[in-house]
């Protein structure tokens, strides 16, 4: 890890060439504080205004998230590109495009979600997202092992693939789609790419940044520090920020005249 010591210097390539630069952020734990009720998550105060300023200046301003795009859309200003469900759903220039192989898995996800609600471990919260679902144990950490085992069994019977997340397990269609593939598709042709994340699911985005850097793209890997931040993400970051307020500070500096 080579942590940058001067934030403004690290942002200089982006601020000096905004039209050739991408600013990409995760949502939960990054733009929005982590909350016990996933449906209640909202961007930190002030972020909507600064994102609107970035949209008018940078080549790409985007959210890459495990959330569905219909959840994300009301949270951000017009012009922010959305890659939801790790890129299975994308909204760009007002047009929505779903991954061509994902639709067939909606019924499978619905079935697993219903089974999880009806017969899953007591205290587990089920968040169905249409093309994927998340099994939460944040409010009952003592059932973590039960939730992981339930997810493993549901994956085995359904063909969905489990992914570890913060105080939860996600189940996804067996499609090559993660934050890395989503990021690379969004930033094609741009010279500078900044990505901010906080979770295990952001590691593929850091992998994508590594690939882009080998191709000559200027990249900045930003990790949100905290008690739940994965060690590997922190170790691979160029810059650490303190929670969503730290993310907001980075965005404001990018937007400064």
C-alpha atoms as a PDB file:
ATOM      1  CA  UNK A   1       0.000   0.000   0.000  1.00  0.00           C
ATOM      2  CA  UNK A   2       1.235   3.469  -0.900  1.00  0.00           C
ATOM      3  CA  UNK A   3      -1.045   5.858   0.920  1.00  0.00           C
ATOM      4  CA  UNK A   4      -1.060   9.321  -0.590  1.00  0.00           C
ATOM      5  CA  UNK A   5      -0.061  12.010   1.886  1.00  0.00           C
ATOM      6  CA  UNK A   6      -1.444  14.999  -0.031  1.00  0.00           C
ATOM      7  CA  UNK A   7      -5.093  14.648  -1.040  1.00  0.00           C
ATOM      8  CA  UNK A   8      -5.128  17.716  -3.254  1.00  0.00           C
ATOM      9  CA  UNK A   9      -2.046  16.486  -5.128  1.00  0.00           C
ATOM     10  CA  UNK A  10      -3.677  13.071  -5.605  1.00  0.00           C
ATOM     11  CA  UNK A  11      -6.750  14.742  -7.092  1.00  0.00           C
ATOM     12  CA  UNK A  12      -4.789  17.026  -9.424  1.00  0.00           C
ATOM     13  CA  UNK A  13      -4.952  14.729 -12.497  1.00  0.00           C
ATOM     14  CA  UNK A  14      -8.735  14.568 -12.129  1.00  0.00           C
ATOM     15  CA  UNK A  15      -9.273  18.264 -11.500  1.00  0.00           C
ATOM     16  CA  UNK A  16      -6.950  19.302 -14.323  1.00  0.00           C
ATOM     17  CA  UNK A  17      -8.633  16.994 -16.870  1.00  0.00           C
ATOM     18  CA  UNK A  18     -12.217  16.633 -15.647  1.00  0.00           C
ATOM     19  CA  UNK A  19     -13.700  15.787 -19.049  1.00  0.00           C
ATOM     20  CA  UNK A  20     -11.320  12.814 -19.275  1.00  0.00           C
ATOM     21  CA  UNK A  21     -11.925  11.667 -15.696  1.00  0.00           C
ATOM     22  CA  UNK A  22     -14.328   9.302 -13.955  1.00  0.00           C
ATOM     23  CA  UNK A  23     -15.555   9.661 -10.370  1.00  0.00           C
ATOM     24  CA  UNK A  24     -17.166   6.405  -9.252  1.00  0.00           C
ATOM     25  CA  UNK A  25     -18.463   5.613  -5.771  1.00  0.00           C
ATOM     26  CA  UNK A  26     -20.181   2.792  -3.958  1.00  0.00           C
ATOM     27  CA  UNK A  27     -23.409   3.584  -2.082  1.00  0.00           C
ATOM     28  CA  UNK A  28     -23.773   1.826   1.291  1.00  0.00           C
ATOM     29  CA  UNK A  29     -21.050   2.738   3.753  1.00  0.00           C
ATOM     30  CA  UNK A  30     -19.527   5.121   1.216  1.00  0.00           C
ATOM     31  CA  UNK A  31     -22.006   7.717   0.012  1.00  0.00           C
ATOM     32  CA  UNK A  32     -24.581   6.654   2.624  1.00  0.00           C
ATOM     33  CA  UNK A  33     -23.931   5.672   6.254  1.00  0.00           C
ATOM     34  CA  UNK A  34     -24.596   2.038   7.176  1.00  0.00           C
ATOM     35  CA  UNK A  35     -27.969   1.697   8.922  1.00  0.00           C
ATOM     36  CA  UNK A  36     -29.776  -1.215  10.543  1.00  0.00           C
ATOM     37  CA  UNK A  37     -32.687  -1.017   8.106  1.00  0.00           C
ATOM     38  CA  UNK A  38     -31.330  -1.222   4.520  1.00  0.00           C
ATOM     39  CA  UNK A  39     -34.443   0.488   3.145  1.00  0.00           C
ATOM     40  CA  UNK A  40     -33.703   3.544   5.288  1.00  0.00           C
ATOM     41  CA  UNK A  41     -30.225   4.228   3.830  1.00  0.00           C
ATOM     42  CA  UNK A  42     -29.828   7.722   2.414  1.00  0.00           C
ATOM     43  CA  UNK A  43     -26.836   9.672   1.043  1.00  0.00           C
ATOM     44  CA  UNK A  44     -25.015  11.848   3.548  1.00  0.00           C
ATOM     45  CA  UNK A  45     -26.295  15.421   3.722  1.00  0.00           C
ATOM     46  CA  UNK A  46     -24.652  17.628   1.112  1.00  0.00           C
ATOM     47  CA  UNK A  47     -23.730  14.804  -1.236  1.00  0.00           C
ATOM     48  CA  UNK A  48     -26.611  15.338  -3.668  1.00  0.00           C
ATOM     49  CA  UNK A  49     -25.568  18.928  -4.274  1.00  0.00           C
ATOM     50  CA  UNK A  50     -21.926  18.114  -4.822  1.00  0.00           C
ATOM     51  CA  UNK A  51     -22.736  15.209  -7.159  1.00  0.00           C
ATOM     52  CA  UNK A  52     -24.841  17.584  -9.258  1.00  0.00           C
ATOM     53  CA  UNK A  53     -21.831  19.889  -9.577  1.00  0.00           C
ATOM     54  CA  UNK A  54     -19.583  16.989 -10.559  1.00  0.00           C
ATOM     55  CA  UNK A  55     -22.009  15.800 -13.265  1.00  0.00           C
ATOM     56  CA  UNK A  56     -21.625  19.074 -15.097  1.00  0.00           C
ATOM     57  CA  UNK A  57     -17.851  18.901 -15.024  1.00  0.00           C
ATOM     58  CA  UNK A  58     -16.511  15.331 -15.171  1.00  0.00           C
ATOM     59  CA  UNK A  59     -16.579  12.832 -18.007  1.00  0.00           C
ATOM     60  CA  UNK A  60     -18.345  10.268 -15.816  1.00  0.00           C
ATOM     61  CA  UNK A  61     -19.946  10.440 -12.399  1.00  0.00           C
ATOM     62  CA  UNK A  62     -21.359   7.071 -11.368  1.00  0.00           C
ATOM     63  CA  UNK A  63     -22.627   4.865  -8.575  1.00  0.00           C
ATOM     64  CA  UNK A  64     -21.675   1.193  -8.643  1.00  0.00           C
ATOM     65  CA  UNK A  65     -23.693  -0.686  -6.053  1.00  0.00           C
ATOM     66  CA  UNK A  66     -25.279  -3.941  -5.017  1.00  0.00           C
ATOM     67  CA  UNK A  67     -28.581  -2.060  -4.790  1.00  0.00           C
ATOM     68  CA  UNK A  68     -31.183  -2.148  -7.581  1.00  0.00           C
ATOM     69  CA  UNK A  69     -31.214   0.911  -9.808  1.00  0.00           C
ATOM     70  CA  UNK A  70     -34.803   1.681  -8.809  1.00  0.00           C
ATOM     71  CA  UNK A  71     -33.607   2.161  -5.223  1.00  0.00           C
ATOM     72  CA  UNK A  72     -30.660   4.306  -6.309  1.00  0.00           C
ATOM     73  CA  UNK A  73     -32.461   6.546  -8.811  1.00  0.00           C
ATOM     74  CA  UNK A  74     -34.298   8.756  -6.289  1.00  0.00           C
ATOM     75  CA  UNK A  75     -31.148   9.130  -4.182  1.00  0.00           C
ATOM     76  CA  UNK A  76     -28.947  10.991  -6.667  1.00  0.00           C
ATOM     77  CA  UNK A  77     -29.287  13.875  -9.134  1.00  0.00           C
ATOM     78  CA  UNK A  78     -30.013  13.406 -12.815  1.00  0.00           C
ATOM     79  CA  UNK A  79     -26.932  12.629 -14.846  1.00  0.00           C
ATOM     80  CA  UNK A  80     -25.308  10.263 -12.352  1.00  0.00           C
ATOM     81  CA  UNK A  81     -24.824   6.934 -14.109  1.00  0.00           C
ATOM     82  CA  UNK A  82     -26.110   3.954 -12.136  1.00  0.00           C
ATOM     83  CA  UNK A  83     -24.755   0.406 -12.176  1.00  0.00           C
ATOM     84  CA  UNK A  84     -27.024  -1.555  -9.858  1.00  0.00           C
ATOM     85  CA  UNK A  85     -26.791  -5.167  -8.696  1.00  0.00           C
ATOM     86  CA  UNK A  86     -23.083  -5.147  -9.555  1.00  0.00           C
ATOM     87  CA  UNK A  87     -23.780  -4.165 -13.155  1.00  0.00           C
ATOM     88  CA  UNK A  88     -26.745  -6.437 -13.877  1.00  0.00           C
ATOM     89  CA  UNK A  89     -28.785  -3.235 -14.186  1.00  0.00           C
ATOM     90  CA  UNK A  90     -27.427  -0.009 -15.702  1.00  0.00           C
ATOM     91  CA  UNK A  91     -29.044   3.399 -16.221  1.00  0.00           C
ATOM     92  CA  UNK A  92     -27.130   5.813 -18.426  1.00  0.00           C
ATOM     93  CA  UNK A  93     -28.394   8.873 -20.286  1.00  0.00           C
ATOM     94  CA  UNK A  94     -31.873   8.065 -19.024  1.00  0.00           C
ATOM     95  CA  UNK A  95     -31.855   4.615 -20.618  1.00  0.00           C
ATOM     96  CA  UNK A  96     -31.986   1.407 -18.594  1.00  0.00           C
ATOM     97  CA  UNK A  97     -30.213  -1.703 -19.825  1.00  0.00           C
ATOM     98  CA  UNK A  98     -30.332  -5.025 -17.960  1.00  0.00           C
ATOM     99  CA  UNK A  99     -27.782  -7.774 -18.476  1.00  0.00           C
ATOM    100  CA  UNK A 100     -29.182 -10.009 -21.244  1.00  0.00           C
ATOM    101  CA  UNK A 101     -28.706 -13.209 -19.255  1.00  0.00           C
ATOM    102  CA  UNK A 102     -30.154 -11.992 -15.967  1.00  0.00           C
ATOM    103  CA  UNK A 103     -33.885 -11.958 -16.557  1.00  0.00           C
ATOM    104  CA  UNK A 104     -34.281 -15.737 -16.427  1.00  0.00           C
ATOM    105  CA  UNK A 105     -33.106 -15.688 -12.802  1.00  0.00           C
ATOM    106  CA  UNK A 106     -35.889 -13.465 -11.443  1.00  0.00           C
ATOM    107  CA  UNK A 107     -38.172 -16.397 -10.624  1.00  0.00           C
ATOM    108  CA  UNK A 108     -35.302 -18.257  -8.957  1.00  0.00           C
ATOM    109  CA  UNK A 109     -34.503 -15.243  -6.790  1.00  0.00           C
ATOM    110  CA  UNK A 110     -38.182 -14.853  -5.877  1.00  0.00           C
ATOM    111  CA  UNK A 111     -38.388 -18.519  -4.879  1.00  0.00           C
ATOM    112  CA  UNK A 112     -35.266 -18.354  -2.699  1.00  0.00           C
ATOM    113  CA  UNK A 113     -36.459 -15.128  -1.101  1.00  0.00           C
ATOM    114  CA  UNK A 114     -39.822 -16.664  -0.214  1.00  0.00           C
ATOM    115  CA  UNK A 115     -38.175 -19.783   1.191  1.00  0.00           C
ATOM    116  CA  UNK A 116     -35.788 -17.643   3.217  1.00  0.00           C
ATOM    117  CA  UNK A 117     -38.632 -15.596   4.681  1.00  0.00           C
ATOM    118  CA  UNK A 118     -40.730 -18.657   5.481  1.00  0.00           C
ATOM    119  CA  UNK A 119     -38.094 -21.118   6.672  1.00  0.00           C
ATOM    120  CA  UNK A 120     -34.817 -19.275   7.174  1.00  0.00           C
ATOM    121  CA  UNK A 121     -33.088 -18.696  10.529  1.00  0.00           C
ATOM    122  CA  UNK A 122     -35.085 -16.673  13.025  1.00  0.00           C
ATOM    123  CA  UNK A 123     -33.911 -13.058  13.038  1.00  0.00           C
ATOM    124  CA  UNK A 124     -32.505 -13.148   9.508  1.00  0.00           C
ATOM    125  CA  UNK A 125     -33.711 -10.252   7.346  1.00  0.00           C
ATOM    126  CA  UNK A 126     -34.335 -10.951   3.670  1.00  0.00           C
ATOM    127  CA  UNK A 127     -33.819  -8.152   1.147  1.00  0.00           C
ATOM    128  CA  UNK A 128     -35.035  -9.202  -2.293  1.00  0.00           C
ATOM    129  CA  UNK A 129     -33.670  -7.082  -5.134  1.00  0.00           C
ATOM    130  CA  UNK A 130     -35.349  -8.713  -8.104  1.00  0.00           C
ATOM    131  CA  UNK A 131     -32.227 -10.159  -9.707  1.00  0.00           C
ATOM    132  CA  UNK A 132     -30.445 -10.937  -6.442  1.00  0.00           C
ATOM    133  CA  UNK A 133     -31.113 -11.039  -2.719  1.00  0.00           C
ATOM    134  CA  UNK A 134     -29.277 -10.273   0.492  1.00  0.00           C
ATOM    135  CA  UNK A 135     -29.605 -12.175   3.768  1.00  0.00           C
ATOM    136  CA  UNK A 136     -28.827  -9.805   6.646  1.00  0.00           C
ATOM    137  CA  UNK A 137     -27.758 -10.593  10.191  1.00  0.00           C
ATOM    138  CA  UNK A 138     -26.630  -7.097  11.252  1.00  0.00           C
ATOM    139  CA  UNK A 139     -29.363  -6.867  13.893  1.00  0.00           C
ATOM    140  CA  UNK A 140     -28.631 -10.416  15.117  1.00  0.00           C
ATOM    141  CA  UNK A 141     -24.896 -11.071  14.715  1.00  0.00           C
ATOM    142  CA  UNK A 142     -25.226 -14.210  16.822  1.00  0.00           C
ATOM    143  CA  UNK A 143     -26.920 -16.003  13.881  1.00  0.00           C
ATOM    144  CA  UNK A 144     -24.109 -15.269  11.405  1.00  0.00           C
ATOM    145  CA  UNK A 145     -23.102 -18.925  11.053  1.00  0.00           C
ATOM    146  CA  UNK A 146     -26.725 -20.011  10.601  1.00  0.00           C
ATOM    147  CA  UNK A 147     -27.246 -17.409   7.875  1.00  0.00           C
ATOM    148  CA  UNK A 148     -24.081 -18.444   6.049  1.00  0.00           C
ATOM    149  CA  UNK A 149     -25.138 -22.097   6.171  1.00  0.00           C
ATOM    150  CA  UNK A 150     -28.649 -21.244   4.978  1.00  0.00           C
ATOM    151  CA  UNK A 151     -27.159 -19.240   2.105  1.00  0.00           C
ATOM    152  CA  UNK A 152     -24.862 -22.136   1.197  1.00  0.00           C
ATOM    153  CA  UNK A 153     -27.796 -24.571   1.070  1.00  0.00           C
ATOM    154  CA  UNK A 154     -29.958 -22.196  -0.957  1.00  0.00           C
ATOM    155  CA  UNK A 155     -27.124 -21.637  -3.396  1.00  0.00           C
ATOM    156  CA  UNK A 156     -26.647 -25.372  -3.818  1.00  0.00           C
ATOM    157  CA  UNK A 157     -30.309 -26.005  -4.613  1.00  0.00           C
ATOM    158  CA  UNK A 158     -30.945 -22.937  -6.778  1.00  0.00           C
ATOM    159  CA  UNK A 159     -27.740 -22.344  -8.712  1.00  0.00           C
ATOM    160  CA  UNK A 160     -27.326 -18.849  -7.272  1.00  0.00           C
ATOM    161  CA  UNK A 161     -23.865 -17.908  -6.060  1.00  0.00           C
ATOM    162  CA  UNK A 162     -23.163 -16.658  -2.507  1.00  0.00           C
ATOM    163  CA  UNK A 163     -20.985 -13.605  -1.858  1.00  0.00           C
ATOM    164  CA  UNK A 164     -19.880 -12.395   1.550  1.00  0.00           C
ATOM    165  CA  UNK A 165     -20.812  -8.810   2.407  1.00  0.00           C
ATOM    166  CA  UNK A 166     -20.968  -6.609   5.502  1.00  0.00           C
ATOM    167  CA  UNK A 167     -22.978  -8.487   8.141  1.00  0.00           C
ATOM    168  CA  UNK A 168     -24.799 -10.311   5.342  1.00  0.00           C
ATOM    169  CA  UNK A 169     -24.575 -12.848   2.546  1.00  0.00           C
ATOM    170  CA  UNK A 170     -25.669 -12.049  -1.000  1.00  0.00           C
ATOM    171  CA  UNK A 171     -27.010 -14.539  -3.538  1.00  0.00           C
ATOM    172  CA  UNK A 172     -26.460 -13.691  -7.208  1.00  0.00           C
ATOM    173  CA  UNK A 173     -27.103 -15.305 -10.585  1.00  0.00           C
ATOM    174  CA  UNK A 174     -24.048 -17.193 -11.916  1.00  0.00           C
ATOM    175  CA  UNK A 175     -23.205 -14.376 -14.309  1.00  0.00           C
ATOM    176  CA  UNK A 176     -19.816 -12.717 -14.637  1.00  0.00           C
ATOM    177  CA  UNK A 177     -20.861  -9.407 -13.167  1.00  0.00           C
ATOM    178  CA  UNK A 178     -19.203  -7.643 -10.258  1.00  0.00           C
ATOM    179  CA  UNK A 179     -18.078  -4.145  -9.437  1.00  0.00           C
ATOM    180  CA  UNK A 180     -14.929  -4.696 -11.476  1.00  0.00           C
ATOM    181  CA  UNK A 181     -16.700  -5.641 -14.702  1.00  0.00           C
ATOM    182  CA  UNK A 182     -19.219  -2.857 -14.112  1.00  0.00           C
ATOM    183  CA  UNK A 183     -16.474  -0.287 -13.553  1.00  0.00           C
ATOM    184  CA  UNK A 184     -14.490  -1.244 -16.642  1.00  0.00           C
ATOM    185  CA  UNK A 185     -17.576  -1.039 -18.849  1.00  0.00           C
ATOM    186  CA  UNK A 186     -18.441   2.429 -17.529  1.00  0.00           C
ATOM    187  CA  UNK A 187     -15.010   4.073 -17.788  1.00  0.00           C
ATOM    188  CA  UNK A 188     -13.959   2.890 -21.239  1.00  0.00           C
ATOM    189  CA  UNK A 189     -12.060   5.628 -23.060  1.00  0.00           C
ATOM    190  CA  UNK A 190     -11.357   7.798 -20.009  1.00  0.00           C
ATOM    191  CA  UNK A 191      -7.839   8.649 -18.881  1.00  0.00           C
ATOM    192  CA  UNK A 192      -8.300   9.020 -15.102  1.00  0.00           C
ATOM    193  CA  UNK A 193     -10.447   6.842 -12.840  1.00  0.00           C
ATOM    194  CA  UNK A 194     -11.163   7.349  -9.135  1.00  0.00           C
ATOM    195  CA  UNK A 195     -13.142   4.723  -7.227  1.00  0.00           C
ATOM    196  CA  UNK A 196     -14.334   4.848  -3.610  1.00  0.00           C
ATOM    197  CA  UNK A 197     -15.564   1.773  -1.728  1.00  0.00           C
ATOM    198  CA  UNK A 198     -15.772   0.220   1.707  1.00  0.00           C
ATOM    199  CA  UNK A 199     -16.563  -3.492   1.442  1.00  0.00           C
ATOM    200  CA  UNK A 200     -15.455  -6.895   0.144  1.00  0.00           C
ATOM    201  CA  UNK A 201     -17.579  -6.333  -2.935  1.00  0.00           C
ATOM    202  CA  UNK A 202     -15.343  -3.394  -3.847  1.00  0.00           C
ATOM    203  CA  UNK A 203     -12.232  -5.563  -4.193  1.00  0.00           C
ATOM    204  CA  UNK A 204     -13.102  -6.492  -7.813  1.00  0.00           C
ATOM    205  CA  UNK A 205     -13.273  -2.767  -8.553  1.00  0.00           C
ATOM    206  CA  UNK A 206      -9.751  -2.385  -7.169  1.00  0.00           C
ATOM    207  CA  UNK A 207      -8.734  -5.328  -9.394  1.00  0.00           C
ATOM    208  CA  UNK A 208     -10.177  -3.441 -12.362  1.00  0.00           C
ATOM    209  CA  UNK A 209      -8.224  -0.339 -11.375  1.00  0.00           C
ATOM    210  CA  UNK A 210      -5.044  -2.422 -11.335  1.00  0.00           C
ATOM    211  CA  UNK A 211      -5.773  -3.605 -14.887  1.00  0.00           C
ATOM    212  CA  UNK A 212      -6.526  -0.062 -16.030  1.00  0.00           C
ATOM    213  CA  UNK A 213      -3.308   1.210 -14.448  1.00  0.00           C
ATOM    214  CA  UNK A 214      -1.305  -1.342 -16.438  1.00  0.00           C
ATOM    215  CA  UNK A 215      -2.906   0.116 -19.569  1.00  0.00           C
ATOM    216  CA  UNK A 216      -1.704   3.602 -18.678  1.00  0.00           C
ATOM    217  CA  UNK A 217      -4.834   4.964 -17.005  1.00  0.00           C
ATOM    218  CA  UNK A 218      -4.269   7.144 -13.935  1.00  0.00           C
ATOM    219  CA  UNK A 219      -6.179   5.552 -11.057  1.00  0.00           C
ATOM    220  CA  UNK A 220      -6.899   6.390  -7.434  1.00  0.00           C
ATOM    221  CA  UNK A 221      -8.102   3.632  -5.098  1.00  0.00           C
ATOM    222  CA  UNK A 222      -9.973   5.094  -2.135  1.00  0.00           C
ATOM    223  CA  UNK A 223     -11.135   2.975   0.814  1.00  0.00           C
ATOM    224  CA  UNK A 224     -13.483   4.051   3.572  1.00  0.00           C
ATOM    225  CA  UNK A 225     -11.814   3.189   6.860  1.00  0.00           C
ATOM    226  CA  UNK A 226     -13.775   1.898   9.831  1.00  0.00           C
ATOM    227  CA  UNK A 227     -14.311  -1.033  12.166  1.00  0.00           C
ATOM    228  CA  UNK A 228     -15.968  -3.096   9.421  1.00  0.00           C
ATOM    229  CA  UNK A 229     -13.567  -2.206   6.604  1.00  0.00           C
ATOM    230  CA  UNK A 230     -11.943  -5.368   5.171  1.00  0.00           C
ATOM    231  CA  UNK A 231      -8.215  -5.513   5.814  1.00  0.00           C
ATOM    232  CA  UNK A 232      -7.439  -6.355   2.184  1.00  0.00           C
ATOM    233  CA  UNK A 233      -9.339  -3.344   0.877  1.00  0.00           C
ATOM    234  CA  UNK A 234      -7.543  -1.046   3.316  1.00  0.00           C
ATOM    235  CA  UNK A 235      -4.177  -2.580   2.426  1.00  0.00           C
ATOM    236  CA  UNK A 236      -4.702  -2.007  -1.294  1.00  0.00           C
ATOM    237  CA  UNK A 237      -5.945   1.573  -1.043  1.00  0.00           C
ATOM    238  CA  UNK A 238      -3.993   4.610  -2.172  1.00  0.00           C
ATOM    239  CA  UNK A 239      -6.097   6.789   0.113  1.00  0.00           C
ATOM    240  CA  UNK A 240      -8.100   6.143   3.288  1.00  0.00           C
ATOM    241  CA  UNK A 241     -11.009   8.369   4.298  1.00  0.00           C
ATOM    242  CA  UNK A 242     -13.027   8.410   7.493  1.00  0.00           C
ATOM    243  CA  UNK A 243     -16.581   7.294   6.720  1.00  0.00           C
ATOM    244  CA  UNK A 244     -19.068   9.038   4.419  1.00  0.00           C
ATOM    245  CA  UNK A 245     -17.968  12.481   5.729  1.00  0.00           C
ATOM    246  CA  UNK A 246     -14.497  11.718   4.385  1.00  0.00           C
ATOM    247  CA  UNK A 247     -16.013  10.673   1.058  1.00  0.00           C
ATOM    248  CA  UNK A 248     -17.953  13.930   0.930  1.00  0.00           C
ATOM    249  CA  UNK A 249     -14.729  15.860   1.515  1.00  0.00           C
ATOM    250  CA  UNK A 250     -13.107  14.146  -1.483  1.00  0.00           C
ATOM    251  CA  UNK A 251     -16.118  14.923  -3.680  1.00  0.00           C
ATOM    252  CA  UNK A 252     -16.180  18.555  -2.559  1.00  0.00           C
ATOM    253  CA  UNK A 253     -12.516  18.987  -3.408  1.00  0.00           C
ATOM    254  CA  UNK A 254     -13.157  17.522  -6.835  1.00  0.00           C
ATOM    255  CA  UNK A 255     -16.003  20.001  -7.316  1.00  0.00           C
ATOM    256  CA  UNK A 256     -14.091  23.043  -6.028  1.00  0.00           C
ATOM    257  CA  UNK A 257     -13.380  25.856  -8.484  1.00  0.00           C
END
